[in-house]
Amino acid sequence: MKKLFEVVNRLALEEIEKFSAPSHVNYDIAQEKGVELAKALGANVDLVKLGCALMDIKLGECFKEKCPPEHIKRGMAYAKKILEENGVDEKTKELLLNCVEAHHGGAPYKSLEAEICANADCYRFIHPRGVIASVQNSMTLGQSFDGAVSFVLAKLEEKHNILSLEICKKELEPYYEPMKKMLEEAKKI
């Protein structure tokens, strides 16, 4: 699994360098929180690390082509190719593809690891560090300040609705209303 993570992490970082999305900060947030949650909940840390690395692997490309919702479909196809090229067994492949497919709440979780990946992703749009990094990254990708704030506000709502793990709700819920208010106020000037 360590060698597979090295391959996937390298490819994910190459995508970030090429397309600037997600930002390095947001990629690291998901990785760090995913590992922390996996350890706290007794999940497979290696699967979570891989799932977090794969879940947005085509996000930058889709942002560049102005079709961000496509990133799950494209990410699934790319992840499947990577996993097959690296000889990953069918059960592990299914679990990892579910991490990609379910991280926006569009599919049921087939494992605790997929649920952890989705919840780790929420930190990118609810935690203050993630909110600031997301606004900055959206502007780097060409959005106006108001456009970036509106985008992050919408993502804040989406991710708040995806939160499912009590440990994450307890940690992120205190930030939700203040971040929402701050983003709404930022649009008024």
N, C-alpha and C. Protein backbone atom coordinates (compact mmCIF):
# COMPACT_ATOMS: atom_id res chain seq x y z
N MET A 1 0.82 -1.21 0.00
CA MET A 1 0.00 0.00 0.00
C MET A 1 0.86 1.27 0.00
N LYS A 2 2.01 1.20 0.65
CA LYS A 2 2.88 2.38 0.70
C LYS A 2 3.33 2.78 -0.69
N LYS A 3 3.71 1.81 -1.51
CA LYS A 3 4.16 2.09 -2.88
C LYS A 3 3.00 2.66 -3.70
N LEU A 4 1.82 2.10 -3.53
CA LEU A 4 0.64 2.60 -4.25
C LEU A 4 0.36 4.05 -3.85
N PHE A 5 0.46 4.35 -2.55
CA PHE A 5 0.23 5.73 -2.12
C PHE A 5 1.25 6.67 -2.74
N GLU A 6 2.50 6.24 -2.82
CA GLU A 6 3.53 7.08 -3.44
C GLU A 6 3.16 7.41 -4.88
N VAL A 7 2.65 6.42 -5.61
CA VAL A 7 2.24 6.63 -7.01
C VAL A 7 1.05 7.60 -7.06
N VAL A 8 0.02 7.30 -6.28
CA VAL A 8 -1.20 8.13 -6.30
C VAL A 8 -0.90 9.55 -5.82
N ASN A 9 -0.16 9.68 -4.74
CA ASN A 9 0.18 11.00 -4.22
C ASN A 9 0.96 11.80 -5.26
N ARG A 10 1.93 11.16 -5.92
CA ARG A 10 2.71 11.85 -6.96
C ARG A 10 1.78 12.35 -8.07
N LEU A 11 0.87 11.48 -8.52
CA LEU A 11 -0.05 11.87 -9.60
C LEU A 11 -0.99 12.99 -9.15
N ALA A 12 -1.48 12.91 -7.92
CA ALA A 12 -2.36 13.96 -7.40
C ALA A 12 -1.62 15.30 -7.31
N LEU A 13 -0.39 15.26 -6.83
CA LEU A 13 0.40 16.49 -6.72
C LEU A 13 0.75 17.05 -8.10
N GLU A 14 0.99 16.17 -9.08
CA GLU A 14 1.23 16.64 -10.45
C GLU A 14 -0.01 17.36 -11.00
N GLU A 15 -1.19 16.83 -10.71
CA GLU A 15 -2.44 17.48 -11.15
C GLU A 15 -2.57 18.85 -10.48
N ILE A 16 -2.24 18.94 -9.19
CA ILE A 16 -2.31 20.22 -8.48
C ILE A 16 -1.34 21.22 -9.10
N GLU A 17 -0.13 20.77 -9.39
CA GLU A 17 0.86 21.67 -10.01
C GLU A 17 0.39 22.14 -11.39
N LYS A 18 -0.20 21.24 -12.13
CA LYS A 18 -0.62 21.56 -13.49
C LYS A 18 -1.84 22.48 -13.52
N PHE A 19 -2.80 22.24 -12.62
CA PHE A 19 -4.08 22.95 -12.70
C PHE A 19 -4.40 23.86 -11.52
N SER A 20 -3.60 23.83 -10.47
CA SER A 20 -3.79 24.66 -9.27
C SER A 20 -5.07 24.36 -8.49
N ALA A 21 -5.58 23.16 -8.61
CA ALA A 21 -6.77 22.80 -7.84
C ALA A 21 -6.79 21.30 -7.60
N PRO A 22 -7.15 20.91 -6.39
CA PRO A 22 -7.32 21.78 -5.22
C PRO A 22 -5.98 22.40 -4.85
N SER A 23 -6.01 23.33 -3.92
CA SER A 23 -4.74 23.94 -3.49
C SER A 23 -3.96 22.91 -2.67
N HIS A 24 -2.67 23.15 -2.55
CA HIS A 24 -1.83 22.30 -1.69
C HIS A 24 -2.37 22.30 -0.26
N VAL A 25 -2.80 23.46 0.21
CA VAL A 25 -3.32 23.57 1.58
C VAL A 25 -4.55 22.67 1.73
N ASN A 26 -5.48 22.76 0.80
CA ASN A 26 -6.69 21.95 0.91
C ASN A 26 -6.41 20.46 0.74
N TYR A 27 -5.48 20.12 -0.12
CA TYR A 27 -5.10 18.72 -0.28
C TYR A 27 -4.54 18.19 1.04
N ASP A 28 -3.67 19.00 1.66
CA ASP A 28 -3.06 18.59 2.93
C ASP A 28 -4.09 18.50 4.06
N ILE A 29 -5.05 19.42 4.07
CA ILE A 29 -6.10 19.38 5.10
C ILE A 29 -6.83 18.05 5.04
N ALA A 30 -7.25 17.64 3.86
CA ALA A 30 -7.99 16.38 3.73
C ALA A 30 -7.12 15.19 4.13
N GLN A 31 -5.86 15.19 3.71
CA GLN A 31 -4.95 14.10 4.06
C GLN A 31 -4.76 14.02 5.58
N GLU A 32 -4.45 15.15 6.20
CA GLU A 32 -4.17 15.16 7.63
C GLU A 32 -5.40 14.77 8.45
N LYS A 33 -6.55 15.35 8.11
CA LYS A 33 -7.76 15.02 8.86
C LYS A 33 -8.19 13.58 8.59
N GLY A 34 -8.02 13.13 7.37
CA GLY A 34 -8.37 11.75 7.05
C GLY A 34 -7.58 10.76 7.89
N VAL A 35 -6.27 10.97 7.97
CA VAL A 35 -5.41 10.08 8.77
C VAL A 35 -5.80 10.17 10.25
N GLU A 36 -5.99 11.38 10.73
CA GLU A 36 -6.38 11.57 12.13
C GLU A 36 -7.69 10.84 12.44
N LEU A 37 -8.67 11.00 11.56
CA LEU A 37 -9.97 10.35 11.77
C LEU A 37 -9.87 8.83 11.67
N ALA A 38 -9.10 8.35 10.71
CA ALA A 38 -8.94 6.90 10.55
C ALA A 38 -8.35 6.29 11.82
N LYS A 39 -7.35 6.94 12.37
CA LYS A 39 -6.73 6.44 13.61
C LYS A 39 -7.73 6.48 14.76
N ALA A 40 -8.45 7.59 14.89
CA ALA A 40 -9.40 7.75 15.99
C ALA A 40 -10.56 6.76 15.91
N LEU A 41 -10.95 6.40 14.69
CA LEU A 41 -12.12 5.54 14.49
C LEU A 41 -11.76 4.09 14.18
N GLY A 42 -10.48 3.77 14.18
CA GLY A 42 -10.05 2.40 13.94
C GLY A 42 -10.24 1.94 12.50
N ALA A 43 -10.15 2.87 11.57
CA ALA A 43 -10.31 2.53 10.15
C ALA A 43 -8.93 2.25 9.54
N ASN A 44 -8.94 1.79 8.30
CA ASN A 44 -7.71 1.49 7.58
C ASN A 44 -7.08 2.80 7.10
N VAL A 45 -6.00 3.19 7.74
CA VAL A 45 -5.34 4.46 7.44
C VAL A 45 -4.87 4.51 5.99
N ASP A 46 -4.33 3.41 5.48
CA ASP A 46 -3.83 3.39 4.10
C ASP A 46 -4.95 3.64 3.10
N LEU A 47 -6.10 3.01 3.32
CA LEU A 47 -7.23 3.24 2.40
C LEU A 47 -7.71 4.68 2.46
N VAL A 48 -7.74 5.26 3.64
CA VAL A 48 -8.17 6.66 3.78
C VAL A 48 -7.18 7.60 3.08
N LYS A 49 -5.89 7.38 3.28
CA LYS A 49 -4.90 8.22 2.61
C LYS A 49 -5.07 8.15 1.09
N LEU A 50 -5.25 6.94 0.59
CA LEU A 50 -5.44 6.76 -0.86
C LEU A 50 -6.75 7.41 -1.32
N GLY A 51 -7.81 7.19 -0.55
CA GLY A 51 -9.12 7.77 -0.91
C GLY A 51 -9.08 9.29 -0.95
N CYS A 52 -8.42 9.89 0.05
CA CYS A 52 -8.31 11.36 0.08
C CYS A 52 -7.46 11.87 -1.08
N ALA A 53 -6.45 11.12 -1.46
CA ALA A 53 -5.60 11.53 -2.59
C ALA A 53 -6.33 11.40 -3.91
N LEU A 54 -7.21 10.42 -4.02
CA LEU A 54 -7.92 10.17 -5.28
C LEU A 54 -9.19 11.00 -5.46
N MET A 55 -9.83 11.43 -4.36
CA MET A 55 -11.18 11.98 -4.48
C MET A 55 -11.27 13.24 -5.35
N ASP A 56 -10.23 14.03 -5.41
CA ASP A 56 -10.27 15.24 -6.24
C ASP A 56 -9.17 15.26 -7.29
N ILE A 57 -8.73 14.10 -7.71
CA ILE A 57 -7.58 14.00 -8.60
C ILE A 57 -7.82 14.64 -9.98
N LYS A 58 -9.06 14.81 -10.36
CA LYS A 58 -9.37 15.47 -11.64
C LYS A 58 -10.10 16.81 -11.46
N LEU A 59 -10.10 17.30 -10.23
CA LEU A 59 -10.78 18.56 -9.95
C LEU A 59 -10.18 19.73 -10.73
N GLY A 60 -8.87 19.84 -10.73
CA GLY A 60 -8.21 20.95 -11.43
C GLY A 60 -8.49 20.96 -12.90
N GLU A 61 -8.40 19.81 -13.52
CA GLU A 61 -8.70 19.69 -14.96
C GLU A 61 -10.13 20.14 -15.24
N CYS A 62 -11.05 19.72 -14.38
CA CYS A 62 -12.46 20.08 -14.59
C CYS A 62 -12.71 21.56 -14.34
N PHE A 63 -12.00 22.15 -13.38
CA PHE A 63 -12.11 23.60 -13.18
C PHE A 63 -11.62 24.33 -14.42
N LYS A 64 -10.49 23.89 -14.95
CA LYS A 64 -9.93 24.55 -16.13
C LYS A 64 -10.92 24.49 -17.30
N GLU A 65 -11.60 23.37 -17.44
CA GLU A 65 -12.55 23.19 -18.53
C GLU A 65 -13.96 23.66 -18.16
N LYS A 66 -14.09 24.31 -16.99
CA LYS A 66 -15.35 24.88 -16.51
C LYS A 66 -16.46 23.84 -16.36
N CYS A 67 -16.08 22.69 -15.85
CA CYS A 67 -17.07 21.63 -15.60
C CYS A 67 -16.76 20.90 -14.28
N PRO A 68 -16.66 21.66 -13.16
CA PRO A 68 -16.30 21.03 -11.88
C PRO A 68 -17.15 19.82 -11.47
N PRO A 69 -18.47 19.82 -11.74
CA PRO A 69 -19.24 18.63 -11.35
C PRO A 69 -18.78 17.34 -12.03
N GLU A 70 -18.06 17.47 -13.14
CA GLU A 70 -17.54 16.29 -13.86
C GLU A 70 -16.38 15.62 -13.13
N HIS A 71 -15.83 16.28 -12.11
CA HIS A 71 -14.60 15.76 -11.51
C HIS A 71 -14.79 14.39 -10.85
N ILE A 72 -15.97 14.08 -10.41
CA ILE A 72 -16.20 12.77 -9.79
C ILE A 72 -16.15 11.69 -10.87
N LYS A 73 -16.86 11.91 -11.96
CA LYS A 73 -16.87 10.93 -13.05
C LYS A 73 -15.47 10.75 -13.64
N ARG A 74 -14.80 11.86 -13.91
CA ARG A 74 -13.44 11.77 -14.47
C ARG A 74 -12.46 11.20 -13.45
N GLY A 75 -12.63 11.59 -12.21
CA GLY A 75 -11.78 11.07 -11.15
C GLY A 75 -11.94 9.57 -10.98
N MET A 76 -13.17 9.09 -11.09
CA MET A 76 -13.42 7.65 -10.98
C MET A 76 -12.72 6.91 -12.12
N ALA A 77 -12.84 7.42 -13.33
CA ALA A 77 -12.22 6.76 -14.48
C ALA A 77 -10.69 6.76 -14.34
N TYR A 78 -10.13 7.89 -13.93
CA TYR A 78 -8.68 7.98 -13.77
C TYR A 78 -8.20 7.10 -12.61
N ALA A 79 -8.92 7.12 -11.52
CA ALA A 79 -8.56 6.30 -10.36
C ALA A 79 -8.61 4.82 -10.73
N LYS A 80 -9.64 4.42 -11.46
CA LYS A 80 -9.75 3.02 -11.87
C LYS A 80 -8.54 2.62 -12.71
N LYS A 81 -8.14 3.48 -13.63
CA LYS A 81 -6.98 3.22 -14.49
C LYS A 81 -5.71 3.07 -13.64
N ILE A 82 -5.51 3.99 -12.71
CA ILE A 82 -4.33 3.94 -11.84
C ILE A 82 -4.32 2.65 -11.03
N LEU A 83 -5.45 2.32 -10.45
CA LEU A 83 -5.53 1.14 -9.60
C LEU A 83 -5.31 -0.15 -10.39
N GLU A 84 -5.87 -0.19 -11.59
CA GLU A 84 -5.67 -1.38 -12.44
C GLU A 84 -4.22 -1.50 -12.88
N GLU A 85 -3.62 -0.39 -13.26
CA GLU A 85 -2.20 -0.40 -13.69
C GLU A 85 -1.27 -0.83 -12.57
N ASN A 86 -1.71 -0.66 -11.33
CA ASN A 86 -0.88 -1.00 -10.18
C ASN A 86 -1.31 -2.30 -9.51
N GLY A 87 -2.14 -3.08 -10.20
CA GLY A 87 -2.50 -4.41 -9.74
C GLY A 87 -3.30 -4.48 -8.45
N VAL A 88 -4.12 -3.49 -8.20
CA VAL A 88 -4.93 -3.48 -6.98
C VAL A 88 -6.08 -4.49 -7.12
N ASP A 89 -6.30 -5.26 -6.06
CA ASP A 89 -7.35 -6.28 -6.09
C ASP A 89 -8.74 -5.64 -6.18
N GLU A 90 -9.71 -6.40 -6.62
CA GLU A 90 -11.06 -5.89 -6.89
C GLU A 90 -11.73 -5.28 -5.66
N LYS A 91 -11.62 -5.94 -4.50
CA LYS A 91 -12.27 -5.42 -3.29
C LYS A 91 -11.68 -4.06 -2.91
N THR A 92 -10.37 -3.95 -2.90
CA THR A 92 -9.72 -2.68 -2.56
C THR A 92 -10.06 -1.61 -3.59
N LYS A 93 -10.07 -1.99 -4.84
CA LYS A 93 -10.41 -1.05 -5.92
C LYS A 93 -11.83 -0.51 -5.71
N GLU A 94 -12.76 -1.40 -5.39
CA GLU A 94 -14.15 -0.98 -5.17
C GLU A 94 -14.24 -0.01 -4.00
N LEU A 95 -13.53 -0.30 -2.92
CA LEU A 95 -13.55 0.59 -1.75
C LEU A 95 -12.97 1.96 -2.08
N LEU A 96 -11.86 1.98 -2.81
CA LEU A 96 -11.23 3.25 -3.16
C LEU A 96 -12.07 4.06 -4.15
N LEU A 97 -12.67 3.39 -5.12
CA LEU A 97 -13.53 4.10 -6.07
C LEU A 97 -14.74 4.69 -5.36
N ASN A 98 -15.23 4.00 -4.32
CA ASN A 98 -16.34 4.54 -3.55
C ASN A 98 -15.93 5.80 -2.78
N CYS A 99 -14.67 5.88 -2.38
CA CYS A 99 -14.18 7.11 -1.72
C CYS A 99 -14.32 8.30 -2.66
N VAL A 100 -14.04 8.08 -3.93
CA VAL A 100 -14.17 9.14 -4.93
C VAL A 100 -15.65 9.42 -5.19
N GLU A 101 -16.40 8.39 -5.45
CA GLU A 101 -17.80 8.50 -5.83
C GLU A 101 -18.67 9.13 -4.74
N ALA A 102 -18.37 8.83 -3.48
CA ALA A 102 -19.26 9.23 -2.38
C ALA A 102 -18.83 10.51 -1.66
N HIS A 103 -17.73 11.13 -2.04
CA HIS A 103 -17.25 12.24 -1.23
C HIS A 103 -18.08 13.52 -1.33
N HIS A 104 -19.02 13.57 -2.25
CA HIS A 104 -19.96 14.70 -2.32
C HIS A 104 -21.37 14.30 -1.90
N GLY A 105 -21.51 13.10 -1.36
CA GLY A 105 -22.82 12.64 -0.90
C GLY A 105 -23.70 12.09 -2.01
N GLY A 106 -23.15 11.88 -3.19
CA GLY A 106 -23.94 11.41 -4.32
C GLY A 106 -24.09 9.91 -4.41
N ALA A 107 -23.46 9.19 -3.50
CA ALA A 107 -23.54 7.73 -3.48
C ALA A 107 -23.41 7.28 -2.02
N PRO A 108 -23.99 6.14 -1.68
CA PRO A 108 -23.86 5.65 -0.30
C PRO A 108 -22.42 5.20 -0.01
N TYR A 109 -22.05 5.32 1.23
CA TYR A 109 -20.73 4.85 1.65
C TYR A 109 -20.73 3.33 1.74
N LYS A 110 -19.72 2.72 1.16
CA LYS A 110 -19.57 1.26 1.23
C LYS A 110 -18.61 0.85 2.34
N SER A 111 -18.02 1.85 3.00
CA SER A 111 -17.06 1.56 4.06
C SER A 111 -16.93 2.77 4.97
N LEU A 112 -16.42 2.52 6.15
CA LEU A 112 -16.10 3.62 7.05
C LEU A 112 -15.04 4.52 6.42
N GLU A 113 -14.13 3.93 5.67
CA GLU A 113 -13.07 4.71 5.03
C GLU A 113 -13.63 5.74 4.04
N ALA A 114 -14.65 5.36 3.28
CA ALA A 114 -15.27 6.31 2.34
C ALA A 114 -15.97 7.43 3.11
N GLU A 115 -16.61 7.09 4.20
CA GLU A 115 -17.28 8.11 5.01
C GLU A 115 -16.25 9.06 5.63
N ILE A 116 -15.13 8.52 6.05
CA ILE A 116 -14.06 9.35 6.59
C ILE A 116 -13.53 10.30 5.52
N CYS A 117 -13.31 9.81 4.31
CA CYS A 117 -12.84 10.69 3.23
C CYS A 117 -13.81 11.84 2.98
N ALA A 118 -15.09 11.54 2.93
CA ALA A 118 -16.10 12.58 2.70
C ALA A 118 -16.10 13.60 3.82
N ASN A 119 -15.97 13.13 5.05
CA ASN A 119 -15.96 14.04 6.20
C ASN A 119 -14.66 14.84 6.26
N ALA A 120 -13.53 14.22 5.91
CA ALA A 120 -12.26 14.95 5.87
C ALA A 120 -12.33 16.07 4.84
N ASP A 121 -13.02 15.82 3.74
CA ASP A 121 -13.20 16.82 2.69
C ASP A 121 -13.98 18.03 3.21
N CYS A 122 -14.84 17.82 4.19
CA CYS A 122 -15.65 18.91 4.75
C CYS A 122 -14.79 19.98 5.43
N TYR A 123 -13.65 19.58 5.96
CA TYR A 123 -12.76 20.53 6.63
C TYR A 123 -12.25 21.58 5.65
N ARG A 124 -12.23 21.26 4.38
CA ARG A 124 -11.74 22.19 3.37
C ARG A 124 -12.67 23.38 3.16
N PHE A 125 -13.92 23.25 3.62
CA PHE A 125 -14.89 24.32 3.38
C PHE A 125 -15.63 24.78 4.63
N ILE A 126 -15.34 24.17 5.79
CA ILE A 126 -15.98 24.60 7.03
C ILE A 126 -14.96 25.12 8.03
N HIS A 127 -13.83 24.48 8.15
CA HIS A 127 -12.79 24.92 9.08
C HIS A 127 -12.20 26.24 8.57
N PRO A 128 -11.87 27.17 9.44
CA PRO A 128 -11.34 28.47 8.99
C PRO A 128 -10.15 28.34 8.03
N ARG A 129 -9.20 27.45 8.31
CA ARG A 129 -8.04 27.29 7.43
C ARG A 129 -8.49 26.89 6.03
N GLY A 130 -9.43 25.98 5.94
CA GLY A 130 -9.94 25.53 4.65
C GLY A 130 -10.73 26.62 3.93
N VAL A 131 -11.53 27.36 4.68
CA VAL A 131 -12.33 28.44 4.07
C VAL A 131 -11.41 29.49 3.44
N ILE A 132 -10.41 29.92 4.19
CA ILE A 132 -9.48 30.94 3.67
C ILE A 132 -8.73 30.41 2.46
N ALA A 133 -8.23 29.18 2.57
CA ALA A 133 -7.50 28.58 1.45
C ALA A 133 -8.41 28.42 0.23
N SER A 134 -9.67 28.10 0.45
CA SER A 134 -10.60 27.89 -0.67
C SER A 134 -10.93 29.20 -1.38
N VAL A 135 -11.12 30.27 -0.62
CA VAL A 135 -11.37 31.58 -1.24
C VAL A 135 -10.14 31.98 -2.06
N GLN A 136 -8.97 31.85 -1.45
CA GLN A 136 -7.73 32.21 -2.15
C GLN A 136 -7.55 31.37 -3.41
N ASN A 137 -7.77 30.07 -3.31
CA ASN A 137 -7.59 29.19 -4.47
C ASN A 137 -8.59 29.51 -5.58
N SER A 138 -9.83 29.81 -5.21
CA SER A 138 -10.84 30.16 -6.21
C SER A 138 -10.44 31.41 -6.98
N MET A 139 -9.86 32.36 -6.27
CA MET A 139 -9.40 33.58 -6.94
C MET A 139 -8.19 33.29 -7.82
N THR A 140 -7.31 32.41 -7.37
CA THR A 140 -6.16 32.00 -8.19
C THR A 140 -6.63 31.37 -9.49
N LEU A 141 -7.77 30.68 -9.42
CA LEU A 141 -8.33 30.03 -10.60
C LEU A 141 -9.13 30.99 -11.49
N GLY A 142 -9.13 32.27 -11.12
CA GLY A 142 -9.73 33.27 -11.99
C GLY A 142 -11.07 33.83 -11.56
N GLN A 143 -11.60 33.38 -10.44
CA GLN A 143 -12.87 33.95 -9.99
C GLN A 143 -12.62 35.31 -9.35
N SER A 144 -13.61 36.17 -9.45
CA SER A 144 -13.56 37.45 -8.75
C SER A 144 -13.67 37.16 -7.25
N PHE A 145 -13.39 38.15 -6.44
CA PHE A 145 -13.53 37.97 -5.00
C PHE A 145 -14.95 37.55 -4.66
N ASP A 146 -15.95 38.29 -5.19
CA ASP A 146 -17.35 37.95 -4.89
C ASP A 146 -17.71 36.56 -5.41
N GLY A 147 -17.20 36.20 -6.57
CA GLY A 147 -17.46 34.87 -7.11
C GLY A 147 -16.85 33.79 -6.23
N ALA A 148 -15.63 34.04 -5.75
CA ALA A 148 -14.96 33.07 -4.88
C ALA A 148 -15.72 32.91 -3.57
N VAL A 149 -16.14 34.03 -3.00
CA VAL A 149 -16.89 33.98 -1.74
C VAL A 149 -18.21 33.23 -1.95
N SER A 150 -18.91 33.50 -3.03
CA SER A 150 -20.17 32.80 -3.31
C SER A 150 -19.95 31.31 -3.49
N PHE A 151 -18.89 30.96 -4.20
CA PHE A 151 -18.55 29.55 -4.41
C PHE A 151 -18.29 28.86 -3.07
N VAL A 152 -17.47 29.47 -2.23
CA VAL A 152 -17.12 28.86 -0.95
C VAL A 152 -18.34 28.81 -0.03
N LEU A 153 -19.18 29.79 -0.09
CA LEU A 153 -20.42 29.77 0.70
C LEU A 153 -21.30 28.59 0.29
N ALA A 154 -21.42 28.37 -0.99
CA ALA A 154 -22.21 27.22 -1.48
C ALA A 154 -21.56 25.90 -1.04
N LYS A 155 -20.23 25.82 -1.10
CA LYS A 155 -19.52 24.61 -0.67
C LYS A 155 -19.67 24.41 0.84
N LEU A 156 -19.67 25.49 1.60
CA LEU A 156 -19.88 25.41 3.05
C LEU A 156 -21.21 24.73 3.34
N GLU A 157 -22.25 25.14 2.64
CA GLU A 157 -23.58 24.54 2.83
C GLU A 157 -23.58 23.06 2.41
N GLU A 158 -23.00 22.79 1.25
CA GLU A 158 -22.94 21.41 0.76
C GLU A 158 -22.23 20.51 1.76
N LYS A 159 -21.08 20.94 2.22
CA LYS A 159 -20.27 20.11 3.12
C LYS A 159 -20.91 20.00 4.50
N HIS A 160 -21.59 21.04 4.95
CA HIS A 160 -22.30 20.97 6.23
C HIS A 160 -23.37 19.88 6.17
N ASN A 161 -24.02 19.75 5.03
CA ASN A 161 -25.05 18.71 4.86
C ASN A 161 -24.45 17.31 4.73
N ILE A 162 -23.19 17.21 4.37
CA ILE A 162 -22.54 15.90 4.21
C ILE A 162 -21.98 15.38 5.53
N LEU A 163 -21.65 16.28 6.45
CA LEU A 163 -21.07 15.86 7.73
C LEU A 163 -21.91 14.74 8.33
N SER A 164 -21.28 13.62 8.63
CA SER A 164 -22.03 12.49 9.18
C SER A 164 -21.38 11.86 10.41
N LEU A 165 -20.09 12.08 10.59
CA LEU A 165 -19.39 11.49 11.72
C LEU A 165 -19.47 12.43 12.93
N GLU A 166 -19.87 11.89 14.07
CA GLU A 166 -20.04 12.71 15.26
C GLU A 166 -18.77 13.47 15.64
N ILE A 167 -17.63 12.84 15.50
CA ILE A 167 -16.36 13.48 15.83
C ILE A 167 -16.14 14.73 14.97
N CYS A 168 -16.56 14.68 13.72
CA CYS A 168 -16.42 15.82 12.80
C CYS A 168 -17.47 16.88 13.09
N LYS A 169 -18.68 16.44 13.36
CA LYS A 169 -19.74 17.40 13.70
C LYS A 169 -19.34 18.20 14.94
N LYS A 170 -18.83 17.50 15.95
CA LYS A 170 -18.42 18.16 17.19
C LYS A 170 -17.31 19.18 16.93
N GLU A 171 -16.39 18.84 16.05
CA GLU A 171 -15.27 19.73 15.77
C GLU A 171 -15.65 20.89 14.83
N LEU A 172 -16.48 20.62 13.83
CA LEU A 172 -16.76 21.63 12.80
C LEU A 172 -18.01 22.47 13.07
N GLU A 173 -18.95 21.93 13.79
CA GLU A 173 -20.21 22.66 14.01
C GLU A 173 -19.98 24.05 14.61
N PRO A 174 -19.05 24.24 15.56
CA PRO A 174 -18.84 25.59 16.09
C PRO A 174 -18.35 26.60 15.05
N TYR A 175 -17.79 26.13 13.95
CA TYR A 175 -17.30 27.02 12.90
C TYR A 175 -18.37 27.35 11.86
N TYR A 176 -19.35 26.50 11.73
CA TYR A 176 -20.30 26.61 10.62
C TYR A 176 -21.00 27.98 10.58
N GLU A 177 -21.69 28.35 11.62
CA GLU A 177 -22.43 29.62 11.62
C GLU A 177 -21.51 30.84 11.49
N PRO A 178 -20.40 30.90 12.25
CA PRO A 178 -19.49 32.06 12.07
C PRO A 178 -18.92 32.16 10.65
N MET A 179 -18.56 31.02 10.05
CA MET A 179 -18.02 31.06 8.68
C MET A 179 -19.11 31.50 7.70
N LYS A 180 -20.30 30.99 7.90
CA LYS A 180 -21.43 31.37 7.03
C LYS A 180 -21.68 32.88 7.14
N LYS A 181 -21.73 33.38 8.36
CA LYS A 181 -21.97 34.81 8.57
C LYS A 181 -20.85 35.64 7.96
N MET A 182 -19.60 35.21 8.18
CA MET A 182 -18.46 35.95 7.65
C MET A 182 -18.54 36.01 6.11
N LEU A 183 -18.82 34.89 5.47
CA LEU A 183 -18.89 34.85 4.00
C LEU A 183 -20.05 35.68 3.49
N GLU A 184 -21.20 35.63 4.16
CA GLU A 184 -22.35 36.44 3.75
C GLU A 184 -22.04 37.93 3.89
N GLU A 185 -21.38 38.31 4.97
CA GLU A 185 -21.00 39.70 5.19
C GLU A 185 -19.96 40.16 4.17
N ALA A 186 -19.07 39.27 3.79
CA ALA A 186 -18.02 39.62 2.82
C ALA A 186 -18.60 39.97 1.46
N LYS A 187 -19.78 39.47 1.17
CA LYS A 187 -20.42 39.76 -0.13
C LYS A 187 -21.14 41.11 -0.13
N LYS A 188 -21.35 41.71 1.04
CA LYS A 188 -22.18 42.92 1.12
C LYS A 188 -21.44 44.22 0.80
N ILE A 189 -20.17 44.26 0.92
CA ILE A 189 -19.46 45.54 0.72
C ILE A 189 -19.25 45.79 -0.77
